[in-house]
Amino acid sequence: MMTGQSTRDIIPTLIQWATARSPIRVVLLTSTWAIPDAHIDALSDYDVILIVQDIHLFVDDRTWLNDFGDVLVVYWDPIHPDPVFGMDQCGNVTQYADGLKIDFTLWPVALFQQILAAPVLPAEFDAGYRVLLDKDHLTATMHPPTATAYVPTPPTLTTYQTLINDFLSDAPYVAKCLWRDELLPAKWCLDYDMKQTYLRQLLEWRMEIDHGWSVPAGFLGKGLKKRLPPDIWAQVEQTYVGARLADNWEALANTMALFRQVAVEVGAHLGYVYPHDLHQRVSAYVEHIKHLAAPHYYQWS
């Protein structure tokens, strides 16, 4: 088994495979392999959209996935309605044993026609797409990508203030979980909610300040390390620790300190003022919980 991406050029194989199957009308490539100047490496996967006459043909009989190699493991979405147009769609993530990974999306032709008739492209197309096959010339009127869909815009004052408030609202909960020695909820709130939901958004705004609000934000923070000032990224790394309670208390403090530092920089650029008094009061409350005596649990009779 290979540990890296397959060295096969899968695109000709996809085109030949789809050409021979009448139910498949259009094949589109999106994401990394379709975005100009994208960084492609040995583990880059293929994001393939199959426009078909009936998605159920490909969901009910899934043996077609083996046409591209020895399948290692597959995740399937349930069939679900498109959130905008209400028509059924589906998809899967297929990892092959030789390292090839393909994310297949299945759309009925009618759904694709509705998407084409919309005034703007969906974000995944606007970021970049390639038409690999179009048997019915459906894509002839498809808008070209603008590569702006995932570029953050400067936040309004309300958005800026709300992000700060919601971030600080999580800190007492993390402190309570650490005080109770409840690692799983503490980690979820600290590493996901406080960092992925709020700190990452703030870091993306900080990134845009240095790049003129022109750089697309990568999924889950991809690319931030390359585009943030090195000192800020070094502090991001200091917010991630293992399972020891003492380390997680320090990580919480580091996360709050970094958030305030970056939020002050973003606010200064936009003309917004950081609520230092609120931050100080929340920090004091977290510190109070940290130094409480060990919890005593009461049992109701």
Protein backbone atom coordinates (compact mmCIF):
# COMPACT_ATOMS: atom_id res chain seq x y z
CA MET A 1 0.00 0.00 0.00
CA MET A 2 1.28 3.46 -0.88
CA THR A 3 1.35 6.09 1.81
CA GLY A 4 1.15 9.03 -0.59
CA GLN A 5 -1.05 10.06 -3.49
CA SER A 6 -1.24 7.75 -6.48
CA THR A 7 1.09 8.68 -9.33
CA ARG A 8 -1.72 7.90 -11.81
CA ASP A 9 -3.16 10.78 -13.83
CA ILE A 10 -6.79 10.21 -12.92
CA ILE A 11 -8.32 12.90 -15.17
CA PRO A 12 -8.04 10.98 -18.48
CA THR A 13 -9.41 7.93 -16.70
CA LEU A 14 -12.38 9.92 -15.40
CA ILE A 15 -13.16 11.30 -18.84
CA GLN A 16 -12.93 7.91 -20.53
CA TRP A 17 -14.99 6.25 -17.81
CA ALA A 18 -17.77 8.86 -17.89
CA THR A 19 -17.86 9.01 -21.69
CA ALA A 20 -18.74 5.31 -21.79
CA ARG A 21 -21.67 5.69 -19.38
CA SER A 22 -24.82 7.20 -20.80
CA PRO A 23 -26.40 8.28 -17.46
CA ILE A 24 -23.45 10.63 -16.87
CA ARG A 25 -23.95 13.88 -18.77
CA VAL A 26 -21.38 16.28 -17.28
CA VAL A 27 -18.19 15.86 -15.25
CA LEU A 28 -16.77 18.86 -13.40
CA LEU A 29 -13.61 19.24 -11.36
CA THR A 30 -13.51 21.73 -8.48
CA SER A 31 -11.25 22.69 -5.57
CA THR A 32 -7.46 22.21 -5.63
CA TRP A 33 -7.04 20.65 -9.09
CA ALA A 34 -9.27 23.33 -10.66
CA ILE A 35 -8.03 26.48 -8.92
CA PRO A 36 -5.26 28.37 -10.74
CA ASP A 37 -2.00 28.63 -8.76
CA ALA A 38 -3.31 26.26 -6.08
CA HIS A 39 -0.68 24.35 -4.11
CA ILE A 40 -0.90 20.71 -5.20
CA ASP A 41 1.08 18.05 -3.40
CA ALA A 42 1.35 14.29 -3.17
CA LEU A 43 -1.78 14.06 -1.01
CA SER A 44 -4.05 16.45 -2.92
CA ASP A 45 -7.42 14.85 -3.60
CA TYR A 46 -9.77 15.23 -6.56
CA ASP A 47 -13.18 16.87 -6.11
CA VAL A 48 -15.41 15.53 -8.88
CA ILE A 49 -19.03 16.47 -9.58
CA LEU A 50 -21.00 13.98 -11.67
CA ILE A 51 -24.14 15.41 -13.31
CA VAL A 52 -26.32 12.36 -13.96
CA GLN A 53 -29.79 11.46 -15.12
CA ASP A 54 -30.63 9.66 -11.87
CA ILE A 55 -28.41 9.78 -8.78
CA HIS A 56 -30.07 6.66 -7.36
CA LEU A 57 -28.40 4.52 -10.04
CA PHE A 58 -25.04 5.41 -8.53
CA VAL A 59 -26.16 5.21 -4.89
CA ASP A 60 -28.03 1.91 -5.03
CA ASP A 61 -25.20 0.12 -6.86
CA ARG A 62 -21.89 1.40 -5.56
CA THR A 63 -19.59 -1.04 -7.33
CA TRP A 64 -18.63 1.70 -9.84
CA LEU A 65 -16.23 3.09 -7.25
CA ASN A 66 -14.01 0.07 -7.89
CA ASP A 67 -13.46 1.24 -11.47
CA PHE A 68 -10.79 3.63 -10.18
CA GLY A 69 -8.83 1.19 -8.07
CA ASP A 70 -8.83 -0.90 -4.92
CA VAL A 71 -11.14 0.92 -2.47
CA LEU A 72 -9.69 1.26 1.00
CA VAL A 73 -12.59 2.99 2.76
CA VAL A 74 -15.62 5.08 1.76
CA TYR A 75 -17.80 7.62 3.53
CA TRP A 76 -21.26 8.19 2.00
CA ASP A 77 -23.60 11.11 2.61
CA PRO A 78 -27.26 10.20 2.85
CA ILE A 79 -29.38 11.41 -0.06
CA HIS A 80 -30.54 14.89 0.95
CA PRO A 81 -32.21 17.90 -0.66
CA ASP A 82 -30.10 20.75 -1.95
CA PRO A 83 -30.57 23.62 0.55
CA VAL A 84 -31.35 26.16 -2.19
CA PHE A 85 -33.26 24.25 -4.87
CA GLY A 86 -34.63 21.32 -2.86
CA MET A 87 -33.62 18.56 -5.28
CA ASP A 88 -31.98 15.36 -4.06
CA GLN A 89 -28.21 15.13 -4.14
CA CYS A 90 -25.58 12.86 -2.66
CA GLY A 91 -21.86 12.34 -2.43
CA ASN A 92 -19.04 10.26 -1.03
CA VAL A 93 -15.41 10.45 -0.02
CA THR A 94 -13.45 7.52 -1.45
CA GLN A 95 -9.94 6.64 -0.32
CA TYR A 96 -8.15 4.15 -2.56
CA ALA A 97 -5.45 1.78 -1.38
CA ASP A 98 -2.77 3.27 -3.67
CA GLY A 99 -3.20 6.74 -2.17
CA LEU A 100 -5.72 8.18 -4.64
CA LYS A 101 -8.60 10.05 -2.98
CA ILE A 102 -11.68 11.24 -4.85
CA ASP A 103 -14.59 13.18 -3.39
CA PHE A 104 -17.56 12.43 -5.66
CA THR A 105 -20.67 14.62 -5.69
CA LEU A 106 -23.78 13.37 -7.49
CA TRP A 107 -26.26 15.90 -8.89
CA PRO A 108 -29.27 15.26 -11.13
CA VAL A 109 -29.31 17.17 -14.42
CA ALA A 110 -32.35 19.19 -13.28
CA LEU A 111 -30.46 20.48 -10.24
CA PHE A 112 -27.47 21.47 -12.36
CA GLN A 113 -29.76 23.35 -14.75
CA GLN A 114 -31.19 25.34 -11.82
CA ILE A 115 -27.67 26.17 -10.65
CA LEU A 116 -26.72 27.33 -14.15
CA ALA A 117 -29.80 29.57 -14.30
CA ALA A 118 -28.94 31.31 -11.02
CA PRO A 119 -27.45 34.83 -11.29
CA VAL A 120 -24.22 33.89 -9.49
CA LEU A 121 -22.13 30.76 -9.24
CA PRO A 122 -22.08 28.66 -6.07
CA ALA A 123 -18.98 29.38 -4.01
CA GLU A 124 -17.25 26.11 -4.92
CA PHE A 125 -17.55 26.97 -8.65
CA ASP A 126 -16.62 30.61 -8.17
CA ALA A 127 -13.36 29.50 -6.56
CA GLY A 128 -12.49 27.66 -9.77
CA TYR A 129 -13.78 24.78 -11.90
CA ARG A 130 -12.83 22.69 -14.92
CA VAL A 131 -15.27 21.08 -17.32
CA LEU A 132 -13.92 17.62 -18.05
CA LEU A 133 -16.90 16.36 -20.03
CA ASP A 134 -20.15 17.91 -21.26
CA LYS A 135 -22.19 15.67 -23.55
CA ASP A 136 -25.11 18.09 -23.95
CA HIS A 137 -23.31 21.46 -23.93
CA LEU A 138 -25.01 22.36 -20.65
CA THR A 139 -22.03 24.38 -19.45
CA ALA A 140 -21.92 26.66 -22.51
CA THR A 141 -23.54 29.53 -20.57
CA MET A 142 -21.81 28.85 -17.27
CA HIS A 143 -20.39 31.98 -15.65
CA PRO A 144 -16.60 32.12 -15.36
CA PRO A 145 -15.19 31.98 -11.83
CA THR A 146 -14.24 35.24 -10.11
CA ALA A 147 -12.18 33.60 -7.33
CA THR A 148 -13.78 35.93 -4.77
CA ALA A 149 -16.35 33.68 -3.07
CA TYR A 150 -14.10 32.65 -0.20
CA VAL A 151 -12.33 35.98 0.25
CA PRO A 152 -13.33 37.45 3.64
CA THR A 153 -14.77 40.96 3.70
CA PRO A 154 -13.99 43.47 6.45
CA PRO A 155 -16.34 42.86 9.39
CA THR A 156 -18.83 45.46 10.48
CA LEU A 157 -18.53 46.85 13.98
CA THR A 158 -21.43 44.64 15.08
CA THR A 159 -19.80 41.53 13.61
CA TYR A 160 -16.49 42.40 15.27
CA GLN A 161 -18.10 42.98 18.67
CA THR A 162 -20.25 39.85 18.45
CA LEU A 163 -17.24 37.66 17.66
CA ILE A 164 -15.41 39.00 20.72
CA ASN A 165 -18.40 38.58 23.00
CA ASP A 166 -19.08 35.00 21.84
CA PHE A 167 -15.42 34.04 22.19
CA LEU A 168 -15.25 35.38 25.74
CA SER A 169 -18.53 33.65 26.61
CA ASP A 170 -16.82 30.29 26.14
CA ALA A 171 -13.93 30.92 28.50
CA PRO A 172 -15.83 30.38 31.80
CA TYR A 173 -17.20 27.08 30.50
CA VAL A 174 -13.72 25.82 29.64
CA ALA A 175 -12.53 26.88 33.09
CA LYS A 176 -15.38 25.02 34.81
CA CYS A 177 -14.64 21.86 32.83
CA LEU A 178 -10.96 22.01 33.71
CA TRP A 179 -11.79 22.62 37.38
CA ARG A 180 -14.01 19.51 37.30
CA ASP A 181 -11.28 17.52 35.45
CA GLU A 182 -13.62 16.98 32.48
CA LEU A 183 -11.14 16.83 29.62
CA LEU A 184 -13.42 16.03 26.67
CA PRO A 185 -15.86 18.97 26.98
CA ALA A 186 -13.00 21.30 27.91
CA LYS A 187 -11.07 20.29 24.79
CA TRP A 188 -14.11 20.55 22.55
CA CYS A 189 -14.91 24.06 23.68
CA LEU A 190 -11.30 25.27 23.75
CA ASP A 191 -9.91 23.63 20.61
CA TYR A 192 -13.03 23.73 18.46
CA ASP A 193 -15.36 26.50 19.58
CA MET A 194 -12.91 29.10 20.85
CA LYS A 195 -10.21 28.43 18.25
CA GLN A 196 -11.83 27.02 15.12
CA THR A 197 -15.03 29.07 15.32
CA TYR A 198 -13.82 32.40 16.71
CA LEU A 199 -10.02 32.67 16.76
CA ARG A 200 -9.70 31.30 13.22
CA GLN A 201 -12.14 33.90 11.92
CA LEU A 202 -10.13 36.61 13.61
CA LEU A 203 -6.86 35.25 12.21
CA GLU A 204 -8.36 35.28 8.72
CA TRP A 205 -9.24 38.97 9.15
CA ARG A 206 -5.68 39.60 10.33
CA MET A 207 -4.36 37.78 7.27
CA GLU A 208 -6.46 39.95 4.97
CA ILE A 209 -5.06 43.15 6.48
CA ASP A 210 -1.64 42.17 5.10
CA HIS A 211 -3.06 41.05 1.75
CA GLY A 212 -5.56 43.77 0.91
CA TRP A 213 -8.65 41.63 1.54
CA SER A 214 -7.90 39.61 -1.58
CA VAL A 215 -6.82 36.15 -0.38
CA PRO A 216 -9.36 33.30 -0.16
CA ALA A 217 -9.63 31.76 3.30
CA GLY A 218 -8.63 28.12 3.31
CA PHE A 219 -10.91 25.42 4.69
CA LEU A 220 -10.48 25.06 8.48
CA GLY A 221 -7.54 27.45 8.42
CA LYS A 222 -5.48 25.94 5.62
CA GLY A 223 -2.78 28.36 4.50
CA LEU A 224 -2.84 30.52 7.62
CA LYS A 225 0.64 29.48 8.74
CA LYS A 226 2.11 30.70 5.43
CA ARG A 227 0.24 34.01 5.43
CA LEU A 228 0.29 35.18 9.05
CA PRO A 229 3.25 36.97 10.66
CA PRO A 230 5.57 34.31 12.15
CA ASP A 231 5.23 35.67 15.69
CA ILE A 232 1.45 35.32 15.58
CA TRP A 233 1.66 31.78 14.26
CA ALA A 234 4.15 30.86 16.99
CA GLN A 235 1.56 31.97 19.53
CA VAL A 236 -1.14 29.92 17.79
CA GLU A 237 1.00 26.83 18.29
CA GLN A 238 1.29 27.63 22.00
CA THR A 239 -2.49 27.30 22.37
CA TYR A 240 -2.37 23.57 21.53
CA VAL A 241 -1.39 21.09 24.24
CA GLY A 242 -2.02 17.52 25.37
CA ALA A 243 -4.14 16.12 28.18
CA ARG A 244 -2.51 17.51 31.34
CA LEU A 245 -4.81 19.88 33.22
CA ALA A 246 -2.03 22.36 33.99
CA ASP A 247 -1.12 22.56 30.31
CA ASN A 248 -4.74 23.18 29.33
CA TRP A 249 -5.09 25.97 31.87
CA GLU A 250 -2.05 27.57 30.25
CA ALA A 251 -3.47 26.95 26.77
CA LEU A 252 -6.70 28.72 27.76
CA ALA A 253 -4.73 31.72 29.00
CA ASN A 254 -2.61 31.74 25.84
CA THR A 255 -5.71 31.52 23.65
CA MET A 256 -7.35 34.47 25.39
CA ALA A 257 -4.16 36.55 25.26
CA LEU A 258 -3.62 35.85 21.55
CA PHE A 259 -7.24 36.59 20.74
CA ARG A 260 -7.05 39.98 22.43
CA GLN A 261 -3.74 40.84 20.75
CA VAL A 262 -5.02 40.03 17.26
CA ALA A 263 -8.43 41.58 17.86
CA VAL A 264 -6.77 44.82 18.95
CA GLU A 265 -4.70 44.84 15.74
CA VAL A 266 -7.74 44.15 13.57
CA GLY A 267 -9.79 46.73 15.44
CA ALA A 268 -7.10 49.37 15.05
CA HIS A 269 -7.02 48.75 11.30
CA LEU A 270 -10.81 49.07 11.04
CA GLY A 271 -11.30 51.86 13.55
CA TYR A 272 -12.92 49.65 16.21
CA VAL A 273 -12.15 49.59 19.93
CA TYR A 274 -11.54 46.33 21.78
CA PRO A 275 -13.61 45.89 25.00
CA HIS A 276 -10.66 45.59 27.39
CA ASP A 277 -12.87 45.92 30.48
CA LEU A 278 -15.01 42.92 29.47
CA HIS A 279 -11.90 40.89 28.68
CA GLN A 280 -10.37 41.71 32.05
CA ARG A 281 -13.51 40.77 33.96
CA VAL A 282 -13.79 37.43 32.15
CA SER A 283 -10.09 36.73 32.70
CA ALA A 284 -10.47 37.46 36.42
CA TYR A 285 -13.44 35.10 36.63
CA VAL A 286 -11.49 32.33 34.88
CA GLU A 287 -8.58 32.85 37.26
CA HIS A 288 -10.98 32.69 40.22
CA ILE A 289 -12.31 29.31 39.10
CA LYS A 290 -8.78 28.01 38.55
CA HIS A 291 -7.88 28.63 42.20
CA LEU A 292 -11.05 27.27 43.78
CA ALA A 293 -10.75 24.28 46.08
CA ALA A 294 -11.32 20.90 44.42
CA PRO A 295 -15.02 20.32 43.71
CA HIS A 296 -17.15 18.53 46.29
CA TYR A 297 -20.07 16.63 44.80
CA TYR A 298 -23.37 16.46 46.61
CA GLN A 299 -25.70 13.50 46.36
CA TRP A 300 -29.41 14.01 46.68
CA SER A 301 -31.19 11.42 48.73
